[in-house]
Amino acid sequence: MDDRKIALMNRDLFGKDRPTNVISFSYLDGMPGEAVGDIVISVERAADEACAAGIPFYERLFGLVVHGIVHILGYDHTKGASEARKMRYREKNLMGVVLGHPAYLALIDE
């Protein structure tokens, strides 16, 4: 989605009247089925962040997907430095898998 839509979602759900890059929802604590959660990403913000960091758009996009997945699994960087380190460690490991995967490498070679 774009910044406007994710800002509305962020305001309505979390009381934060601003856009954010990613919002995730975990279903691990009660919603039966195959889905473990949902991830909503501002593609507009991902593009801006990729440009600012000097990295490919898809690297930033997948970084936000990974960030959302790690949140769904129960990690939360806002719960203190120790939790933030654990979360960042998980993200780095998953991003290593993503960035080295042949499907990602083919995508960035296009």
N, C-alpha and C. Protein backbone atom coordinates (compact mmCIF):
# COMPACT_ATOMS: atom_id res chain seq x y z
N MET A 1 0.84 -1.18 0.00
CA MET A 1 0.00 0.00 0.00
C MET A 1 0.88 1.24 0.00
N ASP A 2 0.26 2.42 -0.12
CA ASP A 2 1.03 3.65 -0.14
C ASP A 2 1.09 4.27 1.27
N ASP A 3 1.84 5.35 1.40
CA ASP A 3 2.02 6.00 2.71
C ASP A 3 0.69 6.49 3.30
N ARG A 4 -0.18 7.02 2.45
CA ARG A 4 -1.46 7.54 2.95
C ARG A 4 -2.29 6.44 3.60
N LYS A 5 -2.38 5.30 2.93
CA LYS A 5 -3.20 4.21 3.46
C LYS A 5 -2.59 3.60 4.72
N ILE A 6 -1.28 3.43 4.75
CA ILE A 6 -0.67 2.83 5.93
C ILE A 6 -0.69 3.81 7.10
N ALA A 7 -0.65 5.12 6.81
CA ALA A 7 -0.77 6.13 7.87
C ALA A 7 -2.15 6.04 8.52
N LEU A 8 -3.19 5.86 7.71
CA LEU A 8 -4.54 5.71 8.24
C LEU A 8 -4.65 4.46 9.10
N MET A 9 -4.07 3.37 8.62
CA MET A 9 -4.08 2.12 9.39
C MET A 9 -3.32 2.29 10.70
N ASN A 10 -2.16 2.93 10.64
CA ASN A 10 -1.34 3.16 11.83
C ASN A 10 -2.09 4.02 12.85
N ARG A 11 -2.80 5.03 12.36
CA ARG A 11 -3.59 5.90 13.23
C ARG A 11 -4.75 5.14 13.86
N ASP A 12 -5.51 4.43 13.03
CA ASP A 12 -6.71 3.75 13.51
C ASP A 12 -6.39 2.60 14.48
N LEU A 13 -5.31 1.89 14.22
CA LEU A 13 -4.99 0.71 15.03
C LEU A 13 -4.07 1.02 16.21
N PHE A 14 -3.17 1.98 16.04
CA PHE A 14 -2.14 2.19 17.05
C PHE A 14 -2.07 3.62 17.59
N GLY A 15 -2.93 4.50 17.09
CA GLY A 15 -2.95 5.86 17.56
C GLY A 15 -1.75 6.70 17.14
N LYS A 16 -1.03 6.24 16.13
CA LYS A 16 0.14 6.96 15.63
C LYS A 16 -0.23 7.58 14.29
N ASP A 17 -0.35 8.89 14.25
CA ASP A 17 -0.84 9.58 13.07
C ASP A 17 0.31 9.90 12.11
N ARG A 18 0.89 8.85 11.55
CA ARG A 18 2.00 8.99 10.60
C ARG A 18 2.16 7.68 9.84
N PRO A 19 2.76 7.76 8.67
CA PRO A 19 3.03 6.51 7.95
C PRO A 19 4.15 5.74 8.62
N THR A 20 4.15 4.46 8.41
CA THR A 20 5.22 3.59 8.88
C THR A 20 5.60 2.68 7.72
N ASN A 21 6.70 1.97 7.83
CA ASN A 21 7.11 1.14 6.71
C ASN A 21 6.44 -0.23 6.70
N VAL A 22 6.17 -0.78 7.89
CA VAL A 22 5.59 -2.13 7.96
C VAL A 22 4.72 -2.26 9.20
N ILE A 23 3.60 -2.96 9.05
CA ILE A 23 2.74 -3.34 10.17
C ILE A 23 2.49 -4.84 10.03
N SER A 24 2.65 -5.56 11.14
CA SER A 24 2.41 -7.01 11.08
C SER A 24 1.40 -7.41 12.14
N PHE A 25 0.69 -8.49 11.83
CA PHE A 25 -0.33 -9.04 12.72
C PHE A 25 -0.05 -10.53 12.88
N SER A 26 0.12 -10.97 14.12
CA SER A 26 0.37 -12.38 14.39
C SER A 26 -0.93 -13.09 14.72
N TYR A 27 -1.08 -14.29 14.18
CA TYR A 27 -2.23 -15.13 14.50
C TYR A 27 -1.81 -16.36 15.29
N LEU A 28 -0.60 -16.36 15.80
CA LEU A 28 -0.09 -17.53 16.50
C LEU A 28 -0.81 -17.77 17.83
N ASP A 29 -1.44 -16.76 18.39
CA ASP A 29 -2.11 -16.89 19.69
C ASP A 29 -3.62 -17.01 19.56
N GLY A 30 -4.10 -17.82 18.65
CA GLY A 30 -5.51 -18.04 18.66
C GLY A 30 -6.23 -18.25 17.36
N MET A 31 -5.72 -17.78 16.26
CA MET A 31 -6.44 -17.96 15.00
C MET A 31 -5.96 -19.24 14.35
N PRO A 32 -6.77 -20.29 14.39
CA PRO A 32 -6.33 -21.56 13.80
C PRO A 32 -6.28 -21.48 12.28
N GLY A 33 -5.46 -22.32 11.72
CA GLY A 33 -5.34 -22.36 10.28
C GLY A 33 -3.89 -22.33 9.86
N GLU A 34 -3.66 -22.20 8.59
CA GLU A 34 -2.31 -22.25 8.07
C GLU A 34 -1.60 -20.90 8.14
N ALA A 35 -2.32 -19.79 8.10
CA ALA A 35 -1.69 -18.47 8.14
C ALA A 35 -1.18 -18.18 9.55
N VAL A 36 0.02 -17.69 9.65
CA VAL A 36 0.56 -17.32 10.96
C VAL A 36 0.47 -15.82 11.19
N GLY A 37 0.15 -15.07 10.14
CA GLY A 37 0.01 -13.62 10.31
C GLY A 37 -0.13 -12.92 8.98
N ASP A 38 -0.26 -11.61 9.08
CA ASP A 38 -0.34 -10.74 7.90
C ASP A 38 0.72 -9.67 8.03
N ILE A 39 1.22 -9.22 6.89
CA ILE A 39 2.20 -8.15 6.85
C ILE A 39 1.71 -7.11 5.85
N VAL A 40 1.69 -5.86 6.29
CA VAL A 40 1.30 -4.75 5.44
C VAL A 40 2.52 -3.85 5.29
N ILE A 41 2.87 -3.52 4.05
CA ILE A 41 4.07 -2.73 3.79
C ILE A 41 3.72 -1.51 2.95
N SER A 42 4.30 -0.38 3.31
CA SER A 42 4.21 0.80 2.45
C SER A 42 5.30 0.68 1.41
N VAL A 43 4.89 0.40 0.18
CA VAL A 43 5.85 0.27 -0.92
C VAL A 43 6.50 1.63 -1.19
N GLU A 44 5.74 2.67 -0.99
CA GLU A 44 6.26 4.03 -1.16
C GLU A 44 7.41 4.30 -0.17
N ARG A 45 7.20 3.95 1.08
CA ARG A 45 8.22 4.16 2.10
C ARG A 45 9.42 3.24 1.85
N ALA A 46 9.16 2.01 1.42
CA ALA A 46 10.26 1.08 1.12
C ALA A 46 11.15 1.64 0.02
N ALA A 47 10.55 2.23 -1.00
CA ALA A 47 11.32 2.81 -2.09
C ALA A 47 12.17 3.98 -1.61
N ASP A 48 11.58 4.85 -0.77
CA ASP A 48 12.32 5.99 -0.22
C ASP A 48 13.48 5.51 0.65
N GLU A 49 13.24 4.49 1.48
CA GLU A 49 14.28 3.98 2.37
C GLU A 49 15.40 3.30 1.58
N ALA A 50 15.05 2.58 0.53
CA ALA A 50 16.06 1.94 -0.31
C ALA A 50 16.95 2.99 -0.96
N CYS A 51 16.33 4.03 -1.46
CA CYS A 51 17.08 5.12 -2.11
C CYS A 51 18.02 5.79 -1.09
N ALA A 52 17.51 6.08 0.09
CA ALA A 52 18.31 6.73 1.13
C ALA A 52 19.49 5.87 1.57
N ALA A 53 19.28 4.54 1.60
CA ALA A 53 20.33 3.61 2.03
C ALA A 53 21.25 3.20 0.88
N GLY A 54 20.87 3.54 -0.35
CA GLY A 54 21.68 3.16 -1.50
C GLY A 54 21.67 1.67 -1.77
N ILE A 55 20.53 1.04 -1.53
CA ILE A 55 20.39 -0.40 -1.76
C ILE A 55 19.27 -0.63 -2.77
N PRO A 56 19.25 -1.81 -3.39
CA PRO A 56 18.16 -2.10 -4.33
C PRO A 56 16.80 -2.11 -3.64
N PHE A 57 15.77 -1.68 -4.36
CA PHE A 57 14.41 -1.65 -3.82
C PHE A 57 14.01 -3.01 -3.26
N TYR A 58 14.27 -4.07 -4.02
CA TYR A 58 13.82 -5.39 -3.57
C TYR A 58 14.53 -5.84 -2.29
N GLU A 59 15.75 -5.42 -2.09
CA GLU A 59 16.44 -5.75 -0.84
C GLU A 59 15.72 -5.12 0.35
N ARG A 60 15.33 -3.85 0.19
CA ARG A 60 14.61 -3.19 1.28
C ARG A 60 13.23 -3.79 1.45
N LEU A 61 12.55 -4.09 0.36
CA LEU A 61 11.22 -4.70 0.45
C LEU A 61 11.28 -6.02 1.20
N PHE A 62 12.23 -6.89 0.81
CA PHE A 62 12.35 -8.17 1.49
C PHE A 62 12.81 -8.00 2.94
N GLY A 63 13.60 -6.96 3.20
CA GLY A 63 13.99 -6.66 4.58
C GLY A 63 12.77 -6.34 5.43
N LEU A 64 11.82 -5.62 4.86
CA LEU A 64 10.59 -5.31 5.60
C LEU A 64 9.72 -6.55 5.77
N VAL A 65 9.69 -7.43 4.78
CA VAL A 65 8.95 -8.68 4.92
C VAL A 65 9.56 -9.50 6.05
N VAL A 66 10.88 -9.61 6.06
CA VAL A 66 11.57 -10.35 7.13
C VAL A 66 11.29 -9.72 8.48
N HIS A 67 11.34 -8.38 8.56
CA HIS A 67 11.06 -7.69 9.81
C HIS A 67 9.65 -8.04 10.30
N GLY A 68 8.68 -8.03 9.38
CA GLY A 68 7.32 -8.39 9.74
C GLY A 68 7.20 -9.82 10.21
N ILE A 69 7.89 -10.73 9.54
CA ILE A 69 7.86 -12.15 9.95
C ILE A 69 8.42 -12.32 11.34
N VAL A 70 9.53 -11.66 11.62
CA VAL A 70 10.15 -11.79 12.95
C VAL A 70 9.21 -11.24 14.03
N HIS A 71 8.51 -10.14 13.73
CA HIS A 71 7.49 -9.64 14.67
C HIS A 71 6.40 -10.68 14.88
N ILE A 72 5.92 -11.28 13.79
CA ILE A 72 4.87 -12.29 13.89
C ILE A 72 5.31 -13.45 14.78
N LEU A 73 6.59 -13.78 14.72
CA LEU A 73 7.11 -14.87 15.54
C LEU A 73 7.31 -14.49 17.01
N GLY A 74 7.03 -13.23 17.34
CA GLY A 74 7.03 -12.83 18.74
C GLY A 74 8.15 -11.90 19.18
N TYR A 75 9.03 -11.53 18.30
CA TYR A 75 10.11 -10.61 18.66
C TYR A 75 9.61 -9.17 18.57
N ASP A 76 10.12 -8.32 19.48
CA ASP A 76 9.69 -6.92 19.47
C ASP A 76 10.83 -6.02 19.91
N HIS A 77 11.35 -5.25 18.98
CA HIS A 77 12.50 -4.38 19.24
C HIS A 77 12.18 -3.24 20.19
N THR A 78 10.90 -3.01 20.48
CA THR A 78 10.54 -1.92 21.39
C THR A 78 10.54 -2.36 22.85
N LYS A 79 10.84 -3.63 23.11
CA LYS A 79 10.83 -4.15 24.49
C LYS A 79 12.19 -4.14 25.14
N GLY A 80 13.09 -3.31 24.67
CA GLY A 80 14.40 -3.17 25.29
C GLY A 80 15.53 -3.62 24.40
N ALA A 81 16.74 -3.28 24.84
CA ALA A 81 17.94 -3.53 24.04
C ALA A 81 18.19 -5.02 23.81
N SER A 82 17.96 -5.85 24.80
CA SER A 82 18.20 -7.29 24.66
C SER A 82 17.27 -7.89 23.61
N GLU A 83 16.01 -7.53 23.68
CA GLU A 83 15.04 -8.04 22.70
C GLU A 83 15.35 -7.51 21.31
N ALA A 84 15.77 -6.26 21.23
CA ALA A 84 16.13 -5.67 19.94
C ALA A 84 17.31 -6.40 19.32
N ARG A 85 18.30 -6.78 20.13
CA ARG A 85 19.45 -7.54 19.63
C ARG A 85 19.02 -8.91 19.12
N LYS A 86 18.16 -9.59 19.87
CA LYS A 86 17.66 -10.90 19.44
C LYS A 86 16.92 -10.78 18.11
N MET A 87 16.11 -9.75 18.01
CA MET A 87 15.33 -9.56 16.79
C MET A 87 16.25 -9.28 15.60
N ARG A 88 17.21 -8.39 15.80
CA ARG A 88 18.14 -8.05 14.73
C ARG A 88 18.95 -9.26 14.28
N TYR A 89 19.34 -10.13 15.24
CA TYR A 89 20.07 -11.36 14.92
C TYR A 89 19.23 -12.25 14.01
N ARG A 90 17.96 -12.43 14.35
CA ARG A 90 17.05 -13.25 13.53
C ARG A 90 16.89 -12.64 12.14
N GLU A 91 16.73 -11.32 12.09
CA GLU A 91 16.57 -10.65 10.80
C GLU A 91 17.81 -10.84 9.92
N LYS A 92 18.98 -10.67 10.50
CA LYS A 92 20.22 -10.82 9.73
C LYS A 92 20.34 -12.24 9.17
N ASN A 93 20.01 -13.24 9.98
CA ASN A 93 20.08 -14.62 9.51
C ASN A 93 19.10 -14.87 8.36
N LEU A 94 17.87 -14.42 8.51
CA LEU A 94 16.88 -14.61 7.45
C LEU A 94 17.23 -13.83 6.19
N MET A 95 17.73 -12.62 6.34
CA MET A 95 18.12 -11.83 5.17
C MET A 95 19.29 -12.47 4.44
N GLY A 96 20.18 -13.13 5.17
CA GLY A 96 21.27 -13.85 4.51
C GLY A 96 20.74 -14.94 3.60
N VAL A 97 19.70 -15.63 4.05
CA VAL A 97 19.06 -16.66 3.23
C VAL A 97 18.39 -16.02 2.01
N VAL A 98 17.66 -14.95 2.24
CA VAL A 98 16.94 -14.28 1.14
C VAL A 98 17.92 -13.76 0.09
N LEU A 99 18.94 -13.02 0.53
CA LEU A 99 19.85 -12.38 -0.41
C LEU A 99 20.73 -13.36 -1.18
N GLY A 100 20.89 -14.56 -0.63
CA GLY A 100 21.68 -15.57 -1.32
C GLY A 100 20.86 -16.55 -2.13
N HIS A 101 19.54 -16.44 -2.06
CA HIS A 101 18.66 -17.38 -2.76
C HIS A 101 18.67 -17.10 -4.26
N PRO A 102 18.71 -18.17 -5.06
CA PRO A 102 18.72 -17.99 -6.52
C PRO A 102 17.54 -17.17 -7.05
N ALA A 103 16.38 -17.27 -6.43
CA ALA A 103 15.22 -16.50 -6.91
C ALA A 103 15.45 -15.01 -6.71
N TYR A 104 16.06 -14.62 -5.59
CA TYR A 104 16.35 -13.21 -5.37
C TYR A 104 17.44 -12.73 -6.33
N LEU A 105 18.46 -13.55 -6.49
CA LEU A 105 19.56 -13.17 -7.39
C LEU A 105 19.06 -12.99 -8.82
N ALA A 106 18.13 -13.83 -9.25
CA ALA A 106 17.55 -13.69 -10.59
C ALA A 106 16.71 -12.42 -10.67
N LEU A 107 16.03 -12.08 -9.61
CA LEU A 107 15.19 -10.89 -9.58
C LEU A 107 16.02 -9.62 -9.75
N ILE A 108 17.13 -9.54 -9.05
CA ILE A 108 17.94 -8.31 -9.14
C ILE A 108 18.77 -8.25 -10.41
N ASP A 109 18.91 -9.39 -11.11
CA ASP A 109 19.65 -9.39 -12.37
C ASP A 109 18.79 -8.92 -13.55
N GLU A 110 17.49 -8.75 -13.31
CA GLU A 110 16.59 -8.35 -14.40
C GLU A 110 16.90 -6.94 -14.85
